[in-house]
Amino acid sequence: MNQWQGGTSRSSGAENGGGWSGDQSGNRYGYGSGNAEPEGARAMPQVRRDAAPGYQRHEPPLPPSMSPRRGVTVPPQQSQGYDDAYDSGYNTGEVYGGGGGGGRRGDGPGDGRTGRPRPRWGRRIKWTVITLVAVLAVASVATYFWADGKLRRQVDLSKVIDRPAAGDGTNYLIVGSDSREGMSAAEKQRLHTGSAAGKRTDSMMILHDGSNGPTLISLPRDSDVEIPSFVGSTSGKKYPNTGRHTKLNAAYAEDGPELLVRTVEYNTKLHIDHYVEIGFAGFANIVDAIGGVEMDIPKAFKDKNSGADFPAGKQTLNGQQALAFVRTRHAFAGQDLDRTKNQQKFLATLASQTATPATVLNPFKLYPTMSAGLATLIVDKDMNLFDLGSMFFAMKGITGGEGKSMNMPISGSTGGNLVWDKAKLQQLVQQLNNDEKVTVSGN
């Protein structure tokens, strides 16, 4: 027979020393070898290979501690050929306690107390980063269109005739005008601007941005220039060249930015790519928006015409003081030439102190600064924010020592007009057009 009978197994066990008849190891089962009466051999049911379909395998009941879920009663199982209360110790290979809710705390991916899955911090961090990037992208695009809409593109350089060929790099003509546009009587008095009608150029500079660093060249307003032939900006009428010489700022007063660009290009043979202009009010508002500009003034000076009254040393200038600083000329022996040096120094410092994380990353400072500057800037129709940003960082490079600032080389004067040094001017323009390092010195 293939199954052990209970009685037969017991008698055989007694005759063979209490062990299984097929056991060759000498090991004893049960309660210990010291027991005078070893336990009977355990009957283990065997499954026949030819068992009929529907045959079910029966297992002894599990103790409560090994139940898949505590508190759940496992129905008793039927045994075959031996006492139901007898624990055979037979293990079917099934692992108990491995369920998700029945494991010990921390054994599985869930929370043993609540049964909820543990948070996946990697996924949370990833989606947080994605959300921040998306918000920044939307804010950047919105800011771009907002700022781009504030630019006043009023200068049409296509009206400028007989232009010289463009060289390497980018040339900006930066103009500070004495426009009182939008200023109240109280503001004019506070800023010491006077009430003159119209507008004239108070400062003019050429900024070259190239691969050899930026170069900033001041053009004195009293420079002697020849007014070339030009087309009127509003009338469209062509005016011939009569050989008339006058001061550079008179060209702006006569027919605005287009004639000024035409005059600068004709007298320098340098192509101007972009035009940027800012008035008195806009200049002061930008300085106030960033909280002032720190300047180191080497020597004290005072000027009742501009309202300047500065001690020597480091000090922070507000908008009113900054405007007085860049407009003062009567307090200096060199008059306009000394003033242009102060203008260069201040503008480069302004750009350097504006392009800081404290301003760029602070929306409460960035947007008022941009609004104050963009609302008062007048630029050419081809100017975009990237061009404006390039100009700004080129100005900053002047302060950082990456470039050079100078006055236009002067050879003398005729009457009250300053005459440019033609030999040095020709060399300077050649170096700028070829985007070479500028070696020419100015006044």
Protein backbone atom coordinates (compact mmCIF):
# COMPACT_ATOMS: atom_id res chain seq x y z
CA MET A 1 0.00 0.00 0.00
CA ASN A 2 1.09 3.52 -0.64
CA GLN A 3 -0.27 4.92 2.60
CA TRP A 4 0.96 4.22 6.09
CA GLN A 5 -1.54 2.81 8.48
CA GLY A 6 -1.51 4.28 11.93
CA GLY A 7 -1.12 1.04 13.83
CA THR A 8 1.45 -0.44 11.55
CA SER A 9 3.65 2.62 11.77
CA ARG A 10 3.62 2.52 15.54
CA SER A 11 4.62 -1.11 15.80
CA SER A 12 7.33 -0.73 13.24
CA GLY A 13 8.67 2.24 15.07
CA ALA A 14 8.96 0.28 18.26
CA GLU A 15 10.82 -2.54 16.61
CA ASN A 16 13.33 -0.25 14.92
CA GLY A 17 14.22 1.83 17.89
CA GLY A 18 11.50 4.44 17.62
CA GLY A 19 12.45 5.90 14.24
CA TRP A 20 11.14 5.78 10.73
CA SER A 21 11.82 2.53 9.02
CA GLY A 22 13.43 4.31 6.11
CA ASP A 23 15.57 6.65 8.28
CA GLN A 24 19.28 5.89 7.94
CA SER A 25 20.63 8.94 9.76
CA GLY A 26 19.87 7.82 13.27
CA ASN A 27 18.04 11.05 14.06
CA ARG A 28 14.99 10.83 16.18
CA TYR A 29 11.83 12.82 15.85
CA GLY A 30 9.53 14.03 18.53
CA TYR A 31 10.14 15.24 21.99
CA GLY A 32 13.78 14.18 22.37
CA SER A 33 15.90 11.13 22.44
CA GLY A 34 15.78 10.98 26.19
CA ASN A 35 12.16 10.04 26.19
CA ALA A 36 11.73 6.41 27.06
CA GLU A 37 8.79 6.17 24.78
CA PRO A 38 9.48 8.10 21.56
CA GLU A 39 6.51 9.53 19.75
CA GLY A 40 5.06 7.57 16.97
CA ALA A 41 6.04 8.09 13.44
CA ARG A 42 4.08 10.85 11.81
CA ALA A 43 1.81 9.89 9.02
CA MET A 44 2.25 12.15 6.04
CA PRO A 45 -0.39 11.80 3.41
CA GLN A 46 0.92 11.37 -0.05
CA VAL A 47 -0.71 12.62 -3.17
CA ARG A 48 -1.14 10.05 -5.83
CA ARG A 49 -0.09 11.06 -9.28
CA ASP A 50 -3.21 9.44 -10.65
CA ALA A 51 -5.52 11.20 -8.24
CA ALA A 52 -8.90 11.85 -9.72
CA PRO A 53 -9.88 15.34 -10.80
CA GLY A 54 -11.33 17.35 -7.99
CA TYR A 55 -8.95 15.92 -5.47
CA GLN A 56 -8.28 18.54 -2.85
CA ARG A 57 -5.22 18.79 -0.71
CA HIS A 58 -5.96 19.30 2.96
CA GLU A 59 -3.69 21.10 5.40
CA PRO A 60 -3.73 21.29 9.18
CA PRO A 61 -4.98 24.57 10.65
CA LEU A 62 -2.53 27.41 11.27
CA PRO A 63 -2.05 28.88 14.71
CA PRO A 64 -3.57 32.37 15.15
CA SER A 65 -0.12 34.03 15.20
CA MET A 66 0.54 32.79 11.67
CA SER A 67 -2.82 33.77 10.27
CA PRO A 68 -2.62 35.97 7.12
CA ARG A 69 -4.61 38.61 8.95
CA ARG A 70 -4.80 38.88 12.68
CA GLY A 71 -8.25 38.58 14.07
CA VAL A 72 -9.45 36.49 11.11
CA THR A 73 -10.25 32.89 11.94
CA VAL A 74 -8.95 30.27 9.57
CA PRO A 75 -11.47 27.42 9.15
CA PRO A 76 -10.17 24.11 10.44
CA GLN A 77 -8.84 21.65 7.90
CA GLN A 78 -9.53 17.98 7.72
CA SER A 79 -6.73 15.52 8.27
CA GLN A 80 -6.35 12.09 6.82
CA GLY A 81 -5.58 9.12 8.95
CA TYR A 82 -4.44 10.88 12.10
CA ASP A 83 -5.78 12.90 15.02
CA ASP A 84 -7.10 16.35 14.12
CA ALA A 85 -5.47 17.87 17.20
CA TYR A 86 -2.10 16.51 16.21
CA ASP A 87 0.28 19.13 14.76
CA SER A 88 2.27 17.52 12.01
CA GLY A 89 4.52 20.54 11.51
CA TYR A 90 4.18 20.03 7.79
CA ASN A 91 4.89 23.21 5.80
CA THR A 92 3.42 23.49 2.37
CA GLY A 93 5.82 26.26 1.38
CA GLU A 94 3.18 29.00 1.62
CA VAL A 95 4.51 32.19 3.21
CA TYR A 96 2.19 33.63 5.77
CA GLY A 97 2.09 37.21 6.94
CA GLY A 98 3.28 38.49 3.56
CA GLY A 99 0.16 40.48 2.75
CA GLY A 100 0.38 44.21 2.26
CA GLY A 101 -1.80 45.03 5.25
CA GLY A 102 -0.56 42.36 7.63
CA GLY A 103 3.18 42.98 7.58
CA ARG A 104 5.11 44.79 10.25
CA ARG A 105 5.47 48.56 10.05
CA GLY A 106 8.17 49.44 7.59
CA ASP A 107 8.34 45.97 6.01
CA GLY A 108 6.48 46.99 2.85
CA PRO A 109 5.95 50.06 0.71
CA GLY A 110 2.88 51.13 2.65
CA ASP A 111 2.20 52.65 6.05
CA GLY A 112 1.53 49.88 8.54
CA ARG A 113 -0.82 52.07 10.59
CA THR A 114 -3.03 53.52 7.86
CA GLY A 115 -2.43 51.16 4.93
CA ARG A 116 -1.74 54.15 2.64
CA PRO A 117 1.28 54.09 0.29
CA ARG A 118 4.33 56.01 1.37
CA PRO A 119 4.85 59.40 -0.38
CA ARG A 120 7.21 59.31 -3.35
CA TRP A 121 9.44 62.32 -2.76
CA GLY A 122 11.31 61.92 -6.02
CA ARG A 123 8.10 62.33 -7.99
CA ARG A 124 7.00 65.29 -5.87
CA ILE A 125 10.31 67.08 -6.36
CA LYS A 126 10.22 66.42 -10.11
CA TRP A 127 6.75 67.89 -10.52
CA THR A 128 7.62 70.85 -8.28
CA VAL A 129 10.60 71.66 -10.50
CA ILE A 130 8.53 71.25 -13.66
CA THR A 131 5.87 73.59 -12.24
CA LEU A 132 8.42 76.25 -11.30
CA VAL A 133 10.06 76.10 -14.73
CA ALA A 134 6.67 76.44 -16.40
CA VAL A 135 5.74 79.43 -14.23
CA LEU A 136 9.06 81.12 -14.92
CA ALA A 137 8.71 80.51 -18.65
CA VAL A 138 5.22 82.02 -18.73
CA ALA A 139 6.36 84.97 -16.60
CA SER A 140 9.37 85.56 -18.85
CA VAL A 141 7.27 85.54 -22.02
CA ALA A 142 4.69 87.84 -20.45
CA THR A 143 7.42 90.21 -19.25
CA TYR A 144 9.00 90.28 -22.69
CA PHE A 145 5.79 91.30 -24.44
CA TRP A 146 4.98 93.81 -21.69
CA ALA A 147 8.39 95.43 -21.96
CA ASP A 148 8.46 95.27 -25.75
CA GLY A 149 5.14 97.10 -25.85
CA LYS A 150 6.57 99.96 -23.79
CA LEU A 151 9.38 100.77 -26.24
CA ARG A 152 8.74 103.97 -28.17
CA ARG A 153 10.02 103.17 -31.64
CA GLN A 154 9.84 106.64 -33.14
CA VAL A 155 13.09 106.98 -35.10
CA ASP A 156 13.08 105.75 -38.69
CA LEU A 157 16.67 105.17 -39.79
CA SER A 158 15.46 104.20 -43.26
CA LYS A 159 15.05 107.94 -43.91
CA VAL A 160 18.80 108.46 -43.49
CA ILE A 161 20.41 108.67 -46.93
CA ASP A 162 23.90 107.90 -48.30
CA ARG A 163 24.89 105.76 -45.36
CA PRO A 164 28.40 104.27 -44.93
CA ALA A 165 28.80 100.50 -45.09
CA ALA A 166 28.26 98.60 -41.86
CA GLY A 167 31.33 97.11 -40.21
CA ASP A 168 31.77 94.34 -37.67
CA GLY A 169 30.10 94.68 -34.29
CA THR A 170 27.18 96.93 -33.38
CA ASN A 171 27.23 100.71 -33.04
CA TYR A 172 24.69 102.54 -30.84
CA LEU A 173 24.20 106.30 -30.83
CA ILE A 174 23.11 107.13 -27.26
CA VAL A 175 21.59 110.56 -26.76
CA GLY A 176 20.58 112.34 -23.59
CA SER A 177 18.15 115.11 -24.46
CA ASP A 178 17.02 118.07 -22.39
CA SER A 179 13.38 117.23 -23.09
CA ARG A 180 11.00 118.33 -20.35
CA GLU A 181 8.22 116.16 -21.77
CA GLY A 182 5.71 115.11 -19.12
CA MET A 183 7.32 117.20 -16.37
CA SER A 184 5.26 119.44 -14.12
CA ALA A 185 6.36 122.95 -13.14
CA ALA A 186 7.32 121.64 -9.69
CA GLU A 187 9.46 118.87 -11.20
CA LYS A 188 11.23 121.33 -13.52
CA GLN A 189 12.05 123.49 -10.54
CA ARG A 190 13.20 120.57 -8.39
CA LEU A 191 15.43 119.15 -11.15
CA HIS A 192 16.77 122.58 -12.20
CA THR A 193 15.89 121.93 -15.84
CA GLY A 194 14.41 125.31 -16.72
CA SER A 195 11.39 125.66 -18.98
CA ALA A 196 12.92 125.92 -22.45
CA ALA A 197 10.58 124.77 -25.21
CA GLY A 198 11.47 121.90 -27.52
CA LYS A 199 14.48 119.69 -26.88
CA ARG A 200 18.18 119.62 -27.59
CA THR A 201 20.93 117.09 -27.06
CA ASP A 202 22.60 117.36 -23.70
CA SER A 203 24.99 114.46 -24.31
CA MET A 204 25.89 112.17 -27.24
CA MET A 205 27.91 108.96 -27.22
CA ILE A 206 28.80 106.18 -29.62
CA LEU A 207 28.89 102.74 -28.01
CA HIS A 208 30.62 100.03 -30.04
CA ASP A 209 29.88 96.47 -28.92
CA GLY A 210 32.24 93.93 -30.48
CA SER A 211 34.35 90.83 -29.87
CA ASN A 212 37.24 92.88 -28.43
CA GLY A 213 35.12 94.46 -25.73
CA PRO A 214 32.95 97.57 -25.74
CA THR A 215 34.21 101.05 -26.59
CA LEU A 216 32.36 104.18 -25.43
CA ILE A 217 33.16 107.42 -27.25
CA SER A 218 31.71 110.76 -26.14
CA LEU A 219 30.90 113.34 -28.80
CA PRO A 220 31.10 116.85 -27.30
CA ARG A 221 27.96 118.83 -28.05
CA ASP A 222 30.15 121.74 -29.22
CA SER A 223 31.93 119.59 -31.84
CA ASP A 224 32.37 121.36 -35.21
CA VAL A 225 30.57 119.36 -37.93
CA GLU A 226 29.37 119.84 -41.49
CA ILE A 227 25.66 119.46 -42.14
CA PRO A 228 25.33 117.10 -45.14
CA SER A 229 22.47 116.71 -47.59
CA PHE A 230 19.49 115.03 -45.96
CA VAL A 231 15.80 114.24 -46.34
CA GLY A 232 13.47 115.99 -43.91
CA SER A 233 12.04 113.58 -41.33
CA THR A 234 8.52 114.98 -41.63
CA SER A 235 8.46 116.89 -44.92
CA GLY A 236 10.27 114.27 -47.01
CA LYS A 237 12.00 117.12 -48.80
CA LYS A 238 15.67 116.72 -49.72
CA TYR A 239 18.00 119.45 -48.52
CA PRO A 240 21.33 119.83 -50.36
CA ASN A 241 24.73 120.13 -48.73
CA THR A 242 25.72 123.78 -48.64
CA GLY A 243 29.01 123.24 -46.76
CA ARG A 244 27.52 124.77 -43.62
CA HIS A 245 29.41 124.10 -40.37
CA THR A 246 27.79 124.27 -36.97
CA LYS A 247 27.81 122.62 -33.55
CA LEU A 248 26.79 118.96 -33.42
CA ASN A 249 23.81 119.53 -31.13
CA ALA A 250 22.37 122.00 -33.68
CA ALA A 251 21.74 119.11 -36.10
CA TYR A 252 19.38 117.52 -33.60
CA ALA A 253 17.62 120.82 -32.94
CA GLU A 254 17.18 121.41 -36.69
CA ASP A 255 15.51 118.14 -37.75
CA GLY A 256 15.64 115.63 -34.91
CA PRO A 257 17.26 112.20 -34.55
CA GLU A 258 17.37 111.33 -38.27
CA LEU A 259 19.46 114.38 -39.16
CA LEU A 260 21.67 113.79 -36.11
CA VAL A 261 22.41 110.23 -37.25
CA ARG A 262 23.02 111.44 -40.81
CA THR A 263 25.43 114.13 -39.55
CA VAL A 264 27.37 111.74 -37.29
CA GLU A 265 27.71 109.16 -40.06
CA TYR A 266 28.79 111.78 -42.63
CA ASN A 267 31.46 113.30 -40.39
CA THR A 268 32.82 110.04 -38.93
CA LYS A 269 32.21 107.54 -41.80
CA LEU A 270 30.95 105.14 -39.12
CA HIS A 271 27.67 103.27 -39.63
CA ILE A 272 25.13 103.68 -36.80
CA ASP A 273 23.05 100.54 -36.22
CA HIS A 274 20.72 101.71 -33.45
CA TYR A 275 19.54 104.93 -31.85
CA VAL A 276 18.62 105.34 -28.15
CA GLU A 277 17.44 108.56 -26.48
CA ILE A 278 16.35 109.39 -22.95
CA GLY A 279 15.09 112.66 -21.46
CA PHE A 280 15.63 114.35 -18.11
CA ALA A 281 12.60 112.87 -16.34
CA GLY A 282 13.29 109.32 -17.49
CA PHE A 283 16.90 109.49 -16.39
CA ALA A 284 15.98 110.65 -12.88
CA ASN A 285 13.19 108.07 -12.57
CA ILE A 286 15.52 105.16 -13.42
CA VAL A 287 17.99 106.21 -10.74
CA ASP A 288 15.23 106.51 -8.13
CA ALA A 289 13.71 103.15 -9.16
CA ILE A 290 16.91 101.23 -8.31
CA GLY A 291 17.35 103.11 -5.04
CA GLY A 292 20.13 105.46 -6.12
CA VAL A 293 23.61 105.06 -7.59
CA GLU A 294 26.76 105.01 -5.48
CA MET A 295 29.48 107.24 -6.88
CA ASP A 296 33.00 108.07 -5.72
CA ILE A 297 33.52 111.76 -6.42
CA PRO A 298 37.26 112.59 -6.22
CA LYS A 299 36.84 116.33 -5.78
CA ALA A 300 33.98 118.42 -4.40
CA PHE A 301 32.18 120.75 -6.82
CA LYS A 302 29.18 123.03 -6.93
CA ASP A 303 27.16 124.52 -9.80
CA LYS A 304 24.09 126.71 -9.36
CA ASN A 305 22.95 126.16 -12.97
CA SER A 306 22.52 122.39 -12.59
CA GLY A 307 21.88 122.40 -8.84
CA ALA A 308 25.00 120.32 -8.14
CA ASP A 309 26.52 120.50 -4.68
CA PHE A 310 28.68 117.46 -3.98
CA PRO A 311 31.33 116.80 -1.33
CA ALA A 312 34.27 114.58 -2.14
CA GLY A 313 34.09 110.86 -1.42
CA LYS A 314 31.65 107.98 -1.81
CA GLN A 315 27.97 108.85 -1.75
CA THR A 316 24.66 107.57 -3.11
CA LEU A 317 22.99 109.90 -5.60
CA ASN A 318 19.24 109.99 -6.02
CA GLY A 319 17.55 110.91 -9.31
CA GLN A 320 17.74 114.66 -8.77
CA GLN A 321 21.40 114.56 -7.73
CA ALA A 322 22.32 112.21 -10.57
CA LEU A 323 20.82 114.55 -13.15
CA ALA A 324 22.73 117.48 -11.66
CA PHE A 325 25.94 115.40 -11.72
CA VAL A 326 25.78 114.56 -15.44
CA ARG A 327 24.67 118.06 -16.50
CA THR A 328 27.32 120.09 -14.68
CA ARG A 329 29.98 121.71 -16.87
CA HIS A 330 30.50 125.26 -15.57
CA ALA A 331 32.26 123.94 -12.45
CA PHE A 332 35.06 122.36 -14.52
CA ALA A 333 37.98 123.90 -16.33
CA GLY A 334 37.48 121.62 -19.33
CA GLN A 335 33.77 122.51 -19.53
CA ASP A 336 32.05 120.07 -21.89
CA LEU A 337 35.02 117.69 -22.15
CA ASP A 338 35.07 117.21 -18.38
CA ARG A 339 31.31 116.82 -18.32
CA THR A 340 31.39 114.01 -20.89
CA LYS A 341 33.84 112.10 -18.71
CA ASN A 342 31.44 112.33 -15.77
CA GLN A 343 28.58 111.22 -18.01
CA GLN A 344 30.50 108.14 -19.12
CA LYS A 345 31.45 107.28 -15.58
CA PHE A 346 27.94 107.65 -14.28
CA LEU A 347 26.19 105.69 -17.06
CA ALA A 348 28.62 102.79 -16.77
CA THR A 349 28.15 102.75 -12.97
CA LEU A 350 24.37 102.90 -13.37
CA ALA A 351 24.42 99.88 -15.70
CA SER A 352 26.74 97.96 -13.38
CA GLN A 353 24.64 98.55 -10.27
CA THR A 354 21.38 97.81 -12.06
CA ALA A 355 22.49 94.42 -13.44
CA THR A 356 22.74 92.78 -10.02
CA PRO A 357 20.78 89.85 -8.53
CA ALA A 358 19.24 92.27 -6.01
CA THR A 359 17.53 94.06 -8.91
CA VAL A 360 17.10 91.40 -11.59
CA LEU A 361 15.71 88.72 -9.22
CA ASN A 362 13.51 91.11 -7.26
CA PRO A 363 10.26 91.81 -9.16
CA PHE A 364 9.42 94.69 -6.80
CA LYS A 365 12.60 96.40 -8.01
CA LEU A 366 12.95 95.04 -11.54
CA TYR A 367 9.53 96.04 -12.89
CA PRO A 368 9.58 99.65 -11.57
CA THR A 369 13.09 100.06 -13.02
CA MET A 370 12.09 98.66 -16.40
CA SER A 371 8.90 100.70 -16.43
CA ALA A 372 10.73 103.92 -15.58
CA GLY A 373 13.31 103.37 -18.31
CA LEU A 374 11.24 101.85 -21.10
CA ALA A 375 8.42 104.37 -20.85
CA THR A 376 10.79 107.28 -21.52
CA LEU A 377 13.21 105.67 -24.00
CA ILE A 378 12.95 106.64 -27.66
CA VAL A 379 14.55 104.12 -30.01
CA ASP A 380 14.72 103.29 -33.70
CA LYS A 381 12.07 101.12 -35.32
CA ASP A 382 14.38 98.13 -35.70
CA MET A 383 15.36 98.08 -32.02
CA ASN A 384 14.26 95.11 -29.91
CA LEU A 385 14.75 94.13 -26.30
CA PHE A 386 17.71 91.88 -27.11
CA ASP A 387 19.49 94.81 -28.77
CA LEU A 388 18.69 96.98 -25.78
CA GLY A 389 19.95 94.31 -23.39
CA SER A 390 23.18 93.95 -25.37
CA MET A 391 23.71 97.71 -25.15
CA PHE A 392 23.05 97.64 -21.43
CA PHE A 393 25.56 94.88 -20.70
CA ALA A 394 28.13 96.51 -22.98
CA MET A 395 27.80 99.63 -20.82
CA LYS A 396 28.28 97.47 -17.75
CA GLY A 397 31.43 96.02 -19.31
CA ILE A 398 32.96 99.48 -19.39
CA THR A 399 32.84 99.63 -15.60
CA GLY A 400 34.07 96.05 -15.27
CA GLY A 401 37.26 96.87 -17.16
CA GLU A 402 36.30 94.84 -20.23
CA GLY A 403 36.29 97.86 -22.54
CA LYS A 404 37.42 101.42 -23.03
CA SER A 405 35.85 104.85 -22.61
CA MET A 406 37.20 108.00 -24.27
CA ASN A 407 36.34 111.36 -25.77
CA MET A 408 36.49 111.98 -29.47
CA PRO A 409 40.09 113.02 -30.29
CA ILE A 410 40.27 116.83 -30.55
CA SER A 411 42.93 118.74 -32.50
CA GLY A 412 41.88 122.27 -31.59
CA SER A 413 38.96 124.70 -31.85
CA THR A 414 37.57 127.25 -34.22
CA GLY A 415 35.65 129.97 -32.46
CA GLY A 416 33.55 128.11 -29.88
CA ASN A 417 33.57 124.82 -31.78
CA LEU A 418 35.82 121.85 -31.05
CA VAL A 419 37.60 120.38 -34.11
CA TRP A 420 38.10 116.62 -34.31
CA ASP A 421 41.53 115.17 -35.01
CA LYS A 422 40.96 113.73 -38.49
CA ALA A 423 43.97 111.39 -38.51
CA LYS A 424 43.07 109.82 -35.18
CA LEU A 425 39.41 109.73 -36.15
CA GLN A 426 40.21 107.77 -39.32
CA GLN A 427 42.30 105.24 -37.36
CA LEU A 428 39.60 104.93 -34.70
CA VAL A 429 36.85 104.26 -37.25
CA GLN A 430 39.02 101.67 -39.02
CA GLN A 431 39.60 99.79 -35.78
CA LEU A 432 35.90 99.87 -34.91
CA ASN A 433 34.80 98.72 -38.38
CA ASN A 434 37.26 95.81 -38.25
CA ASP A 435 36.23 95.08 -34.65
CA GLU A 436 39.85 95.45 -33.51
CA LYS A 437 41.15 96.50 -30.12
CA VAL A 438 41.03 100.31 -29.94
CA THR A 439 44.47 101.84 -29.41
CA VAL A 440 43.58 105.43 -30.26
CA SER A 441 43.53 107.80 -27.30
CA GLY A 442 41.06 110.63 -26.89
CA ASN A 443 40.92 113.86 -24.94
